[in-house]
Amino acid sequence: MGIMVIVAYRPLPGKEQQLLELTKRHLPVLRGEGLATDRPPYAMRAGDGTIVEVFEWKSKEALESAHRNAAVQEMWKHYQEACEYVPLSSLNECQGMFAGFEPIELPAN
């Protein structure tokens, strides 16, 4: 059974475009490594520039194996250079009953 995740990436100063490009390539890399499902992903931007991504890992084992996968580790290294991971609760949009964000178009497949 898959695992749906929601993650928030706050760009480091001057790294907004790099983070956006990483987010567009993220799921194709995970799928290429056999770690993520074909369920459509979603990406959106908070008012402070934080990017929120929603996608599905194939399984708990797939998620765990990502921590030993060279391609994923390389990608995560670039994420560390471009952003910090933040809790969803730190976003102003998540303080109300309904959180609304600006949609980001992701590549098909």
PDB file of N, CA and C in Angstrom:
ATOM      1  N   MET A   1       0.844  -1.185   0.000  1.00  0.00           N
ATOM      2  CA  MET A   1       0.000   0.000   0.000  1.00  0.00           C
ATOM      3  C   MET A   1       0.881   1.238   0.000  1.00  0.00           C
ATOM      4  N   GLY A   2       0.479   2.237  -0.781  1.00  0.00           N
ATOM      5  CA  GLY A   2       1.227   3.480  -0.884  1.00  0.00           C
ATOM      6  C   GLY A   2       1.117   4.336   0.360  1.00  0.00           C
ATOM      7  N   ILE A   3       1.980   5.340   0.415  1.00  0.00           N
ATOM      8  CA  ILE A   3       1.981   6.303   1.517  1.00  0.00           C
ATOM      9  C   ILE A   3       1.931   7.701   0.919  1.00  0.00           C
ATOM     10  N   MET A   4       0.829   8.405   1.141  1.00  0.00           N
ATOM     11  CA  MET A   4       0.709   9.790   0.685  1.00  0.00           C
ATOM     12  C   MET A   4       1.501  10.686   1.634  1.00  0.00           C
ATOM     13  N   VAL A   5       2.271  11.602   1.063  1.00  0.00           N
ATOM     14  CA  VAL A   5       3.027  12.546   1.877  1.00  0.00           C
ATOM     15  C   VAL A   5       2.764  13.969   1.400  1.00  0.00           C
ATOM     16  N   ILE A   6       2.875  14.877   2.337  1.00  0.00           N
ATOM     17  CA  ILE A   6       2.797  16.311   2.062  1.00  0.00           C
ATOM     18  C   ILE A   6       4.052  16.912   2.670  1.00  0.00           C
ATOM     19  N   VAL A   7       4.823  17.598   1.860  1.00  0.00           N
ATOM     20  CA  VAL A   7       6.079  18.167   2.343  1.00  0.00           C
ATOM     21  C   VAL A   7       6.141  19.636   1.951  1.00  0.00           C
ATOM     22  N   ALA A   8       6.753  20.445   2.822  1.00  0.00           N
ATOM     23  CA  ALA A   8       6.887  21.880   2.571  1.00  0.00           C
ATOM     24  C   ALA A   8       8.365  22.244   2.505  1.00  0.00           C
ATOM     25  N   TYR A   9       8.743  22.887   1.396  1.00  0.00           N
ATOM     26  CA  TYR A   9      10.122  23.315   1.164  1.00  0.00           C
ATOM     27  C   TYR A   9      10.156  24.840   1.146  1.00  0.00           C
ATOM     28  N   ARG A  10      10.851  25.451   2.095  1.00  0.00           N
ATOM     29  CA  ARG A  10      10.982  26.919   2.104  1.00  0.00           C
ATOM     30  C   ARG A  10      12.298  27.270   1.416  1.00  0.00           C
ATOM     31  N   PRO A  11      12.244  28.033   0.324  1.00  0.00           N
ATOM     32  CA  PRO A  11      13.474  28.329  -0.403  1.00  0.00           C
ATOM     33  C   PRO A  11      14.428  29.195   0.417  1.00  0.00           C
ATOM     34  N   LEU A  12      15.715  28.917   0.263  1.00  0.00           N
ATOM     35  CA  LEU A  12      16.734  29.775   0.840  1.00  0.00           C
ATOM     36  C   LEU A  12      16.805  31.043  -0.007  1.00  0.00           C
ATOM     37  N   PRO A  13      17.297  32.138   0.546  1.00  0.00           N
ATOM     38  CA  PRO A  13      17.347  33.389  -0.221  1.00  0.00           C
ATOM     39  C   PRO A  13      18.042  33.207  -1.566  1.00  0.00           C
ATOM     40  N   GLY A  14      17.369  33.668  -2.623  1.00  0.00           N
ATOM     41  CA  GLY A  14      17.914  33.595  -3.963  1.00  0.00           C
ATOM     42  C   GLY A  14      17.828  32.226  -4.619  1.00  0.00           C
ATOM     43  N   LYS A  15      17.200  31.256  -3.973  1.00  0.00           N
ATOM     44  CA  LYS A  15      17.144  29.886  -4.488  1.00  0.00           C
ATOM     45  C   LYS A  15      15.744  29.479  -4.943  1.00  0.00           C
ATOM     46  N   GLU A  16      14.850  30.439  -5.109  1.00  0.00           N
ATOM     47  CA  GLU A  16      13.468  30.132  -5.462  1.00  0.00           C
ATOM     48  C   GLU A  16      13.362  29.365  -6.778  1.00  0.00           C
ATOM     49  N   GLN A  17      14.064  29.822  -7.806  1.00  0.00           N
ATOM     50  CA  GLN A  17      13.975  29.175  -9.119  1.00  0.00           C
ATOM     51  C   GLN A  17      14.595  27.784  -9.080  1.00  0.00           C
ATOM     52  N   GLN A  18      15.721  27.643  -8.383  1.00  0.00           N
ATOM     53  CA  GLN A  18      16.358  26.333  -8.257  1.00  0.00           C
ATOM     54  C   GLN A  18      15.415  25.349  -7.579  1.00  0.00           C
ATOM     55  N   LEU A  19      14.743  25.790  -6.519  1.00  0.00           N
ATOM     56  CA  LEU A  19      13.799  24.920  -5.812  1.00  0.00           C
ATOM     57  C   LEU A  19      12.630  24.544  -6.707  1.00  0.00           C
ATOM     58  N   LEU A  20      12.119  25.486  -7.467  1.00  0.00           N
ATOM     59  CA  LEU A  20      11.010  25.190  -8.377  1.00  0.00           C
ATOM     60  C   LEU A  20      11.427  24.125  -9.394  1.00  0.00           C
ATOM     61  N   GLU A  21      12.604  24.258  -9.970  1.00  0.00           N
ATOM     62  CA  GLU A  21      13.078  23.278 -10.955  1.00  0.00           C
ATOM     63  C   GLU A  21      13.296  21.909 -10.316  1.00  0.00           C
ATOM     64  N   LEU A  22      13.825  21.872  -9.107  1.00  0.00           N
ATOM     65  CA  LEU A  22      13.988  20.602  -8.392  1.00  0.00           C
ATOM     66  C   LEU A  22      12.644  19.928  -8.167  1.00  0.00           C
ATOM     67  N   THR A  23      11.653  20.709  -7.790  1.00  0.00           N
ATOM     68  CA  THR A  23      10.330  20.159  -7.520  1.00  0.00           C
ATOM     69  C   THR A  23       9.724  19.573  -8.794  1.00  0.00           C
ATOM     70  N   LYS A  24       9.975  20.199  -9.912  1.00  0.00           N
ATOM     71  CA  LYS A  24       9.452  19.678 -11.182  1.00  0.00           C
ATOM     72  C   LYS A  24      10.138  18.372 -11.583  1.00  0.00           C
ATOM     73  N   ARG A  25      11.384  18.157 -11.150  1.00  0.00           N
ATOM     74  CA  ARG A  25      12.122  16.936 -11.494  1.00  0.00           C
ATOM     75  C   ARG A  25      12.017  15.855 -10.426  1.00  0.00           C
ATOM     76  N   HIS A  26      11.516  16.209  -9.257  1.00  0.00           N
ATOM     77  CA  HIS A  26      11.515  15.323  -8.098  1.00  0.00           C
ATOM     78  C   HIS A  26      10.814  13.995  -8.359  1.00  0.00           C
ATOM     79  N   LEU A  27       9.561  14.071  -8.719  1.00  0.00           N
ATOM     80  CA  LEU A  27       8.787  12.837  -8.878  1.00  0.00           C
ATOM     81  C   LEU A  27       9.271  11.976 -10.041  1.00  0.00           C
ATOM     82  N   PRO A  28       9.647  12.549 -11.183  1.00  0.00           N
ATOM     83  CA  PRO A  28      10.201  11.695 -12.235  1.00  0.00           C
ATOM     84  C   PRO A  28      11.431  10.896 -11.776  1.00  0.00           C
ATOM     85  N   VAL A  29      12.257  11.487 -10.934  1.00  0.00           N
ATOM     86  CA  VAL A  29      13.410  10.745 -10.406  1.00  0.00           C
ATOM     87  C   VAL A  29      12.933   9.603  -9.513  1.00  0.00           C
ATOM     88  N   LEU A  30      12.011   9.898  -8.603  1.00  0.00           N
ATOM     89  CA  LEU A  30      11.511   8.856  -7.701  1.00  0.00           C
ATOM     90  C   LEU A  30      10.833   7.735  -8.491  1.00  0.00           C
ATOM     91  N   ARG A  31      10.060   8.101  -9.488  1.00  0.00           N
ATOM     92  CA  ARG A  31       9.395   7.077 -10.308  1.00  0.00           C
ATOM     93  C   ARG A  31      10.423   6.273 -11.104  1.00  0.00           C
ATOM     94  N   GLY A  32      11.438   6.937 -11.622  1.00  0.00           N
ATOM     95  CA  GLY A  32      12.478   6.248 -12.368  1.00  0.00           C
ATOM     96  C   GLY A  32      13.228   5.229 -11.532  1.00  0.00           C
ATOM     97  N   GLU A  33      13.278   5.471 -10.252  1.00  0.00           N
ATOM     98  CA  GLU A  33      13.930   4.554  -9.315  1.00  0.00           C
ATOM     99  C   GLU A  33      12.950   3.527  -8.756  1.00  0.00           C
ATOM    100  N   GLY A  34      11.681   3.586  -9.213  1.00  0.00           N
ATOM    101  CA  GLY A  34      10.674   2.632  -8.764  1.00  0.00           C
ATOM    102  C   GLY A  34      10.167   2.873  -7.354  1.00  0.00           C
ATOM    103  N   LEU A  35      10.234   4.129  -6.885  1.00  0.00           N
ATOM    104  CA  LEU A  35       9.902   4.431  -5.492  1.00  0.00           C
ATOM    105  C   LEU A  35       8.559   5.134  -5.301  1.00  0.00           C
ATOM    106  N   ALA A  36       8.054   5.779  -6.347  1.00  0.00           N
ATOM    107  CA  ALA A  36       6.799   6.522  -6.238  1.00  0.00           C
ATOM    108  C   ALA A  36       5.771   5.946  -7.208  1.00  0.00           C
ATOM    109  N   THR A  37       4.501   6.111  -6.855  1.00  0.00           N
ATOM    110  CA  THR A  37       3.411   5.595  -7.682  1.00  0.00           C
ATOM    111  C   THR A  37       3.135   6.536  -8.857  1.00  0.00           C
ATOM    112  N   ASP A  38       2.208   6.119  -9.708  1.00  0.00           N
ATOM    113  CA  ASP A  38       1.784   6.942 -10.838  1.00  0.00           C
ATOM    114  C   ASP A  38       0.656   7.902 -10.468  1.00  0.00           C
ATOM    115  N   ARG A  39       0.259   7.913  -9.200  1.00  0.00           N
ATOM    116  CA  ARG A  39      -0.797   8.843  -8.767  1.00  0.00           C
ATOM    117  C   ARG A  39      -0.343  10.270  -9.088  1.00  0.00           C
ATOM    118  N   PRO A  40      -1.214  11.098  -9.635  1.00  0.00           N
ATOM    119  CA  PRO A  40      -0.813  12.472  -9.969  1.00  0.00           C
ATOM    120  C   PRO A  40      -0.326  13.236  -8.731  1.00  0.00           C
ATOM    121  N   PRO A  41       0.792  13.930  -8.865  1.00  0.00           N
ATOM    122  CA  PRO A  41       1.294  14.752  -7.767  1.00  0.00           C
ATOM    123  C   PRO A  41       0.672  16.146  -7.821  1.00  0.00           C
ATOM    124  N   TYR A  42       0.808  16.879  -6.751  1.00  0.00           N
ATOM    125  CA  TYR A  42       0.357  18.264  -6.697  1.00  0.00           C
ATOM    126  C   TYR A  42       1.481  19.093  -6.094  1.00  0.00           C
ATOM    127  N   ALA A  43       1.632  20.290  -6.617  1.00  0.00           N
ATOM    128  CA  ALA A  43       2.582  21.243  -6.043  1.00  0.00           C
ATOM    129  C   ALA A  43       1.900  22.595  -5.994  1.00  0.00           C
ATOM    130  N   MET A  44       2.232  23.352  -4.976  1.00  0.00           N
ATOM    131  CA  MET A  44       1.611  24.653  -4.773  1.00  0.00           C
ATOM    132  C   MET A  44       2.569  25.555  -4.022  1.00  0.00           C
ATOM    133  N   ARG A  45       2.300  26.858  -4.059  1.00  0.00           N
ATOM    134  CA  ARG A  45       3.169  27.837  -3.412  1.00  0.00           C
ATOM    135  C   ARG A  45       2.382  28.625  -2.374  1.00  0.00           C
ATOM    136  N   ALA A  46       2.983  28.736  -1.196  1.00  0.00           N
ATOM    137  CA  ALA A  46       2.420  29.555  -0.125  1.00  0.00           C
ATOM    138  C   ALA A  46       2.805  31.019  -0.358  1.00  0.00           C
ATOM    139  N   GLY A  47       2.160  31.898   0.353  1.00  0.00           N
ATOM    140  CA  GLY A  47       2.419  33.328   0.217  1.00  0.00           C
ATOM    141  C   GLY A  47       3.851  33.726   0.502  1.00  0.00           C
ATOM    142  N   ASP A  48       4.539  32.977   1.353  1.00  0.00           N
ATOM    143  CA  ASP A  48       5.933  33.303   1.675  1.00  0.00           C
ATOM    144  C   ASP A  48       6.930  32.638   0.725  1.00  0.00           C
ATOM    145  N   GLY A  49       6.420  31.973  -0.333  1.00  0.00           N
ATOM    146  CA  GLY A  49       7.288  31.329  -1.308  1.00  0.00           C
ATOM    147  C   GLY A  49       7.548  29.856  -1.052  1.00  0.00           C
ATOM    148  N   THR A  50       7.112  29.344   0.097  1.00  0.00           N
ATOM    149  CA  THR A  50       7.290  27.926   0.402  1.00  0.00           C
ATOM    150  C   THR A  50       6.524  27.085  -0.614  1.00  0.00           C
ATOM    151  N   ILE A  51       7.176  26.037  -1.113  1.00  0.00           N
ATOM    152  CA  ILE A  51       6.531  25.116  -2.040  1.00  0.00           C
ATOM    153  C   ILE A  51       6.044  23.908  -1.254  1.00  0.00           C
ATOM    154  N   VAL A  52       4.791  23.545  -1.475  1.00  0.00           N
ATOM    155  CA  VAL A  52       4.180  22.380  -0.840  1.00  0.00           C
ATOM    156  C   VAL A  52       3.963  21.343  -1.941  1.00  0.00           C
ATOM    157  N   GLU A  53       4.407  20.115  -1.673  1.00  0.00           N
ATOM    158  CA  GLU A  53       4.274  19.040  -2.654  1.00  0.00           C
ATOM    159  C   GLU A  53       3.513  17.880  -2.015  1.00  0.00           C
ATOM    160  N   VAL A  54       2.632  17.265  -2.807  1.00  0.00           N
ATOM    161  CA  VAL A  54       1.864  16.100  -2.376  1.00  0.00           C
ATOM    162  C   VAL A  54       2.120  14.992  -3.393  1.00  0.00           C
ATOM    163  N   PHE A  55       2.575  13.835  -2.905  1.00  0.00           N
ATOM    164  CA  PHE A  55       2.808  12.701  -3.796  1.00  0.00           C
ATOM    165  C   PHE A  55       2.712  11.407  -2.998  1.00  0.00           C
ATOM    166  N   GLU A  56       2.807  10.270  -3.710  1.00  0.00           N
ATOM    167  CA  GLU A  56       2.650   8.976  -3.059  1.00  0.00           C
ATOM    168  C   GLU A  56       3.883   8.094  -3.270  1.00  0.00           C
ATOM    169  N   TRP A  57       4.497   7.670  -2.158  1.00  0.00           N
ATOM    170  CA  TRP A  57       5.523   6.635  -2.201  1.00  0.00           C
ATOM    171  C   TRP A  57       4.836   5.304  -2.481  1.00  0.00           C
ATOM    172  N   LYS A  58       5.521   4.375  -3.142  1.00  0.00           N
ATOM    173  CA  LYS A  58       4.923   3.066  -3.422  1.00  0.00           C
ATOM    174  C   LYS A  58       4.620   2.296  -2.149  1.00  0.00           C
ATOM    175  N   SER A  59       5.481   2.448  -1.137  1.00  0.00           N
ATOM    176  CA  SER A  59       5.315   1.705   0.113  1.00  0.00           C
ATOM    177  C   SER A  59       6.245   2.284   1.166  1.00  0.00           C
ATOM    178  N   LYS A  60       6.075   1.822   2.378  1.00  0.00           N
ATOM    179  CA  LYS A  60       6.987   2.205   3.455  1.00  0.00           C
ATOM    180  C   LYS A  60       8.403   1.750   3.119  1.00  0.00           C
ATOM    181  N   GLU A  61       8.526   0.579   2.509  1.00  0.00           N
ATOM    182  CA  GLU A  61       9.841   0.053   2.134  1.00  0.00           C
ATOM    183  C   GLU A  61      10.497   0.929   1.056  1.00  0.00           C
ATOM    184  N   ALA A  62       9.692   1.418   0.118  1.00  0.00           N
ATOM    185  CA  ALA A  62      10.223   2.312  -0.913  1.00  0.00           C
ATOM    186  C   ALA A  62      10.756   3.596  -0.289  1.00  0.00           C
ATOM    187  N   LEU A  63      10.005   4.152   0.643  1.00  0.00           N
ATOM    188  CA  LEU A  63      10.449   5.353   1.340  1.00  0.00           C
ATOM    189  C   LEU A  63      11.760   5.093   2.069  1.00  0.00           C
ATOM    190  N   GLU A  64      11.839   3.984   2.777  1.00  0.00           N
ATOM    191  CA  GLU A  64      13.058   3.651   3.512  1.00  0.00           C
ATOM    192  C   GLU A  64      14.235   3.417   2.572  1.00  0.00           C
ATOM    193  N   SER A  65      13.987   2.783   1.420  1.00  0.00           N
ATOM    194  CA  SER A  65      15.085   2.505   0.493  1.00  0.00           C
ATOM    195  C   SER A  65      15.601   3.777  -0.171  1.00  0.00           C
ATOM    196  N   ALA A  66      14.788   4.822  -0.226  1.00  0.00           N
ATOM    197  CA  ALA A  66      15.240   6.091  -0.802  1.00  0.00           C
ATOM    198  C   ALA A  66      16.462   6.630  -0.066  1.00  0.00           C
ATOM    199  N   HIS A  67      16.558   6.315   1.210  1.00  0.00           N
ATOM    200  CA  HIS A  67      17.685   6.800   2.017  1.00  0.00           C
ATOM    201  C   HIS A  67      18.984   6.068   1.684  1.00  0.00           C
ATOM    202  N   ARG A  68      18.901   5.022   0.857  1.00  0.00           N
ATOM    203  CA  ARG A  68      20.091   4.275   0.426  1.00  0.00           C
ATOM    204  C   ARG A  68      20.274   4.342  -1.090  1.00  0.00           C
ATOM    205  N   ASN A  69      19.472   5.136  -1.763  1.00  0.00           N
ATOM    206  CA  ASN A  69      19.479   5.194  -3.218  1.00  0.00           C
ATOM    207  C   ASN A  69      20.350   6.371  -3.678  1.00  0.00           C
ATOM    208  N   ALA A  70      21.358   6.077  -4.508  1.00  0.00           N
ATOM    209  CA  ALA A  70      22.317   7.104  -4.931  1.00  0.00           C
ATOM    210  C   ALA A  70      21.644   8.249  -5.697  1.00  0.00           C
ATOM    211  N   ALA A  71      20.722   7.945  -6.607  1.00  0.00           N
ATOM    212  CA  ALA A  71      20.066   9.000  -7.384  1.00  0.00           C
ATOM    213  C   ALA A  71      19.229   9.905  -6.484  1.00  0.00           C
ATOM    214  N   VAL A  72      18.540   9.322  -5.532  1.00  0.00           N
ATOM    215  CA  VAL A  72      17.716  10.101  -4.610  1.00  0.00           C
ATOM    216  C   VAL A  72      18.602  10.928  -3.682  1.00  0.00           C
ATOM    217  N   GLN A  73      19.661  10.339  -3.192  1.00  0.00           N
ATOM    218  CA  GLN A  73      20.580  11.071  -2.315  1.00  0.00           C
ATOM    219  C   GLN A  73      21.177  12.281  -3.035  1.00  0.00           C
ATOM    220  N   GLU A  74      21.527  12.110  -4.301  1.00  0.00           N
ATOM    221  CA  GLU A  74      22.067  13.225  -5.092  1.00  0.00           C
ATOM    222  C   GLU A  74      21.026  14.332  -5.221  1.00  0.00           C
ATOM    223  N   MET A  75      19.785  13.966  -5.506  1.00  0.00           N
ATOM    224  CA  MET A  75      18.718  14.954  -5.628  1.00  0.00           C
ATOM    225  C   MET A  75      18.496  15.662  -4.286  1.00  0.00           C
ATOM    226  N   TRP A  76      18.466  14.903  -3.201  1.00  0.00           N
ATOM    227  CA  TRP A  76      18.240  15.504  -1.884  1.00  0.00           C
ATOM    228  C   TRP A  76      19.373  16.456  -1.507  1.00  0.00           C
ATOM    229  N   LYS A  77      20.580  16.183  -1.985  1.00  0.00           N
ATOM    230  CA  LYS A  77      21.706  17.093  -1.743  1.00  0.00           C
ATOM    231  C   LYS A  77      21.399  18.460  -2.356  1.00  0.00           C
ATOM    232  N   HIS A  78      20.830  18.463  -3.553  1.00  0.00           N
ATOM    233  CA  HIS A  78      20.471  19.722  -4.212  1.00  0.00           C
ATOM    234  C   HIS A  78      19.333  20.428  -3.462  1.00  0.00           C
ATOM    235  N   TYR A  79      18.402  19.650  -2.935  1.00  0.00           N
ATOM    236  CA  TYR A  79      17.346  20.257  -2.108  1.00  0.00           C
ATOM    237  C   TYR A  79      17.951  20.953  -0.893  1.00  0.00           C
ATOM    238  N   GLN A  80      18.931  20.346  -0.252  1.00  0.00           N
ATOM    239  CA  GLN A  80      19.565  20.957   0.920  1.00  0.00           C
ATOM    240  C   GLN A  80      20.237  22.277   0.574  1.00  0.00           C
ATOM    241  N   GLU A  81      20.716  22.395  -0.657  1.00  0.00           N
ATOM    242  CA  GLU A  81      21.350  23.633  -1.111  1.00  0.00           C
ATOM    243  C   GLU A  81      20.325  24.715  -1.423  1.00  0.00           C
ATOM    244  N   ALA A  82      19.087  24.311  -1.694  1.00  0.00           N
ATOM    245  CA  ALA A  82      18.069  25.257  -2.161  1.00  0.00           C
ATOM    246  C   ALA A  82      17.003  25.613  -1.130  1.00  0.00           C
ATOM    247  N   CYS A  83      16.823  24.776  -0.098  1.00  0.00           N
ATOM    248  CA  CYS A  83      15.690  25.023   0.796  1.00  0.00           C
ATOM    249  C   CYS A  83      15.909  24.428   2.175  1.00  0.00           C
ATOM    250  N   GLU A  84      14.956  24.752   3.037  1.00  0.00           N
ATOM    251  CA  GLU A  84      14.837  24.068   4.322  1.00  0.00           C
ATOM    252  C   GLU A  84      13.463  23.419   4.347  1.00  0.00           C
ATOM    253  N   TYR A  85      13.378  22.255   4.969  1.00  0.00           N
ATOM    254  CA  TYR A  85      12.096  21.572   5.127  1.00  0.00           C
ATOM    255  C   TYR A  85      11.421  22.178   6.350  1.00  0.00           C
ATOM    256  N   VAL A  86      10.144  22.532   6.210  1.00  0.00           N
ATOM    257  CA  VAL A  86       9.439  23.170   7.318  1.00  0.00           C
ATOM    258  C   VAL A  86       8.127  22.444   7.577  1.00  0.00           C
ATOM    259  N   PRO A  87       7.636  22.483   8.822  1.00  0.00           N
ATOM    260  CA  PRO A  87       6.337  21.866   9.109  1.00  0.00           C
ATOM    261  C   PRO A  87       5.212  22.642   8.423  1.00  0.00           C
ATOM    262  N   LEU A  88       4.213  21.919   7.970  1.00  0.00           N
ATOM    263  CA  LEU A  88       3.052  22.576   7.363  1.00  0.00           C
ATOM    264  C   LEU A  88       2.438  23.591   8.325  1.00  0.00           C
ATOM    265  N   SER A  89       2.467  23.293   9.600  1.00  0.00           N
ATOM    266  CA  SER A  89       1.861  24.179  10.601  1.00  0.00           C
ATOM    267  C   SER A  89       2.556  25.536  10.669  1.00  0.00           C
ATOM    268  N   SER A  90       3.752  25.673  10.077  1.00  0.00           N
ATOM    269  CA  SER A  90       4.444  26.960  10.095  1.00  0.00           C
ATOM    270  C   SER A  90       3.943  27.903   9.000  1.00  0.00           C
ATOM    271  N   LEU A  91       3.122  27.398   8.091  1.00  0.00           N
ATOM    272  CA  LEU A  91       2.613  28.221   6.992  1.00  0.00           C
ATOM    273  C   LEU A  91       1.353  28.962   7.419  1.00  0.00           C
ATOM    274  N   ASN A  92       1.297  30.239   7.118  1.00  0.00           N
ATOM    275  CA  ASN A  92       0.110  31.033   7.463  1.00  0.00           C
ATOM    276  C   ASN A  92      -1.158  30.415   6.902  1.00  0.00           C
ATOM    277  N   GLU A  93      -1.063  29.855   5.700  1.00  0.00           N
ATOM    278  CA  GLU A  93      -2.230  29.261   5.050  1.00  0.00           C
ATOM    279  C   GLU A  93      -2.811  28.106   5.857  1.00  0.00           C
ATOM    280  N   CYS A  94      -2.023  27.476   6.672  1.00  0.00           N
ATOM    281  CA  CYS A  94      -2.466  26.301   7.434  1.00  0.00           C
ATOM    282  C   CYS A  94      -3.047  26.663   8.797  1.00  0.00           C
ATOM    283  N   GLN A  95      -3.210  27.939   9.064  1.00  0.00           N
ATOM    284  CA  GLN A  95      -3.718  28.360  10.368  1.00  0.00           C
ATOM    285  C   GLN A  95      -5.243  28.385  10.415  1.00  0.00           C
ATOM    286  N   GLY A  96      -5.881  28.379   9.264  1.00  0.00           N
ATOM    287  CA  GLY A  96      -7.340  28.413   9.216  1.00  0.00           C
ATOM    288  C   GLY A  96      -7.922  27.050   8.890  1.00  0.00           C
ATOM    289  N   MET A  97      -9.215  27.013   8.749  1.00  0.00           N
ATOM    290  CA  MET A  97      -9.923  25.770   8.457  1.00  0.00           C
ATOM    291  C   MET A  97      -9.569  25.223   7.082  1.00  0.00           C
ATOM    292  N   PHE A  98      -9.439  26.117   6.081  1.00  0.00           N
ATOM    293  CA  PHE A  98      -9.149  25.706   4.712  1.00  0.00           C
ATOM    294  C   PHE A  98      -7.879  26.406   4.256  1.00  0.00           C
ATOM    295  N   ALA A  99      -6.873  25.627   3.882  1.00  0.00           N
ATOM    296  CA  ALA A  99      -5.604  26.182   3.424  1.00  0.00           C
ATOM    297  C   ALA A  99      -5.659  26.354   1.909  1.00  0.00           C
ATOM    298  N   GLY A 100      -5.399  27.550   1.432  1.00  0.00           N
ATOM    299  CA  GLY A 100      -5.409  27.829   0.000  1.00  0.00           C
ATOM    300  C   GLY A 100      -4.027  28.248  -0.472  1.00  0.00           C
ATOM    301  N   PHE A 101      -3.600  27.726  -1.643  1.00  0.00           N
ATOM    302  CA  PHE A 101      -2.277  27.977  -2.179  1.00  0.00           C
ATOM    303  C   PHE A 101      -2.350  28.276  -3.667  1.00  0.00           C
ATOM    304  N   GLU A 102      -1.295  28.903  -4.201  1.00  0.00           N
ATOM    305  CA  GLU A 102      -1.147  29.129  -5.636  1.00  0.00           C
ATOM    306  C   GLU A 102      -0.702  27.823  -6.289  1.00  0.00           C
ATOM    307  N   PRO A 103      -1.413  27.328  -7.299  1.00  0.00           N
ATOM    308  CA  PRO A 103      -1.012  26.078  -7.939  1.00  0.00           C
ATOM    309  C   PRO A 103       0.278  26.223  -8.754  1.00  0.00           C
ATOM    310  N   ILE A 104       1.053  25.161  -8.799  1.00  0.00           N
ATOM    311  CA  ILE A 104       2.254  25.072  -9.625  1.00  0.00           C
ATOM    312  C   ILE A 104       2.038  23.938 -10.611  1.00  0.00           C
ATOM    313  N   GLU A 105       2.255  24.206 -11.881  1.00  0.00           N
ATOM    314  CA  GLU A 105       2.111  23.169 -12.908  1.00  0.00           C
ATOM    315  C   GLU A 105       3.324  22.238 -12.874  1.00  0.00           C
ATOM    316  N   LEU A 106       3.076  20.962 -12.822  1.00  0.00           N
ATOM    317  CA  LEU A 106       4.134  19.949 -12.867  1.00  0.00           C
ATOM    318  C   LEU A 106       4.094  19.268 -14.220  1.00  0.00           C
ATOM    319  N   PRO A 107       5.244  18.771 -14.684  1.00  0.00           N
ATOM    320  CA  PRO A 107       5.234  18.049 -15.961  1.00  0.00           C
ATOM    321  C   PRO A 107       4.375  16.801 -15.890  1.00  0.00           C
ATOM    322  N   ALA A 108       3.776  16.439 -17.010  1.00  0.00           N
ATOM    323  CA  ALA A 108       2.982  15.208 -17.072  1.00  0.00           C
ATOM    324  C   ALA A 108       3.902  14.013 -16.934  1.00  0.00           C
ATOM    325  N   ASN A 109       3.382  12.940 -16.330  1.00  0.00           N
ATOM    326  CA  ASN A 109       4.059  11.655 -16.069  1.00  0.00           C
ATOM    327  C   ASN A 109       5.000  11.836 -14.985  1.00  0.00           C
TER     328      ASN A 109
END
